[in-house]
């Protein structure tokens, strides 16, 4: 059981690291995006400047390996 938990934790850490790298490559790392992965579910929070950036942040998350679901709670600041 502890091995399973450790593996899940490692996968979640890898998801977060991969998402961070993807945000940087897309230039979205300057936005106020926070994220956390739990059991393959990547939750996005924070704020961006446009609906397009919100959508792009979600699309980037969808393409991260091992992400099973994306919960996009990012707000658009006007």
Protein backbone atom coordinates (compact mmCIF):
# COMPACT_ATOMS: atom_id res chain seq x y z
CA UNK A 1 0.00 0.00 0.00
CA UNK A 2 2.79 2.45 0.83
CA UNK A 3 4.48 1.62 -2.49
CA UNK A 4 1.24 2.49 -4.29
CA UNK A 5 1.03 5.80 -2.42
CA UNK A 6 4.67 6.57 -3.16
CA UNK A 7 4.16 5.82 -6.87
CA UNK A 8 1.05 8.02 -7.00
CA UNK A 9 2.98 10.80 -5.29
CA UNK A 10 5.85 10.44 -7.78
CA UNK A 11 3.41 10.58 -10.70
CA UNK A 12 1.75 13.69 -9.26
CA UNK A 13 5.13 15.35 -8.78
CA UNK A 14 6.07 14.53 -12.37
CA UNK A 15 2.75 15.95 -13.61
CA UNK A 16 3.40 19.20 -11.73
CA UNK A 17 6.98 19.42 -13.03
CA UNK A 18 5.87 18.75 -16.61
CA UNK A 19 3.05 21.29 -16.36
CA UNK A 20 5.44 23.92 -15.01
CA UNK A 21 7.82 23.30 -17.92
CA UNK A 22 4.93 23.51 -20.40
CA UNK A 23 3.72 26.81 -18.91
CA UNK A 24 7.23 28.23 -19.25
CA UNK A 25 7.51 27.09 -22.88
CA UNK A 26 4.15 28.74 -23.69
CA UNK A 27 5.06 31.96 -21.86
CA UNK A 28 2.23 31.44 -19.37
CA UNK A 29 4.55 31.21 -16.38
CA UNK A 30 4.25 35.00 -15.90
CA UNK A 31 0.54 34.64 -15.16
CA UNK A 32 -0.81 33.92 -11.68
CA UNK A 33 -1.50 30.24 -12.30
CA UNK A 34 -1.31 27.83 -9.39
CA UNK A 35 -1.70 24.10 -9.85
CA UNK A 36 -1.68 20.88 -7.91
CA UNK A 37 -1.94 17.25 -8.97
CA UNK A 38 -3.64 14.57 -6.90
CA UNK A 39 -4.12 11.05 -8.26
CA UNK A 40 -3.78 12.23 -11.85
CA UNK A 41 -6.26 15.11 -11.46
CA UNK A 42 -4.57 18.44 -12.21
CA UNK A 43 -6.38 21.38 -10.60
CA UNK A 44 -5.64 24.85 -11.98
CA UNK A 45 -6.28 27.99 -9.94
CA UNK A 46 -5.29 31.63 -10.01
CA UNK A 47 -5.88 34.22 -12.69
CA UNK A 48 -4.93 35.18 -16.23
CA UNK A 49 -5.53 38.25 -18.40
CA UNK A 50 -7.72 36.74 -21.11
CA UNK A 51 -10.14 33.89 -21.84
CA UNK A 52 -7.63 32.67 -24.47
CA UNK A 53 -4.91 32.32 -21.83
CA UNK A 54 -7.34 30.43 -19.57
CA UNK A 55 -8.18 28.04 -22.42
CA UNK A 56 -4.50 27.63 -23.36
CA UNK A 57 -3.55 26.83 -19.75
CA UNK A 58 -6.19 24.09 -19.76
CA UNK A 59 -5.10 22.72 -23.16
CA UNK A 60 -1.48 22.61 -21.97
CA UNK A 61 -2.61 20.67 -18.88
CA UNK A 62 -4.58 18.22 -21.05
CA UNK A 63 -1.40 17.37 -22.94
CA UNK A 64 0.74 16.59 -19.87
CA UNK A 65 1.51 12.85 -19.60
CA UNK A 66 -0.46 10.93 -16.94
CA UNK A 67 -3.08 13.67 -16.45
CA UNK A 68 -6.44 11.93 -16.31
CA UNK A 69 -8.57 15.00 -15.64
CA UNK A 70 -8.13 18.78 -15.58
CA UNK A 71 -10.16 20.97 -13.20
CA UNK A 72 -9.88 24.54 -14.47
CA UNK A 73 -10.73 27.07 -11.74
CA UNK A 74 -8.67 29.88 -13.31
CA UNK A 75 -10.34 33.29 -13.21
CA UNK A 76 -10.01 35.88 -15.98
CA UNK A 77 -9.03 39.30 -14.62
CA UNK A 78 -10.32 42.16 -16.65
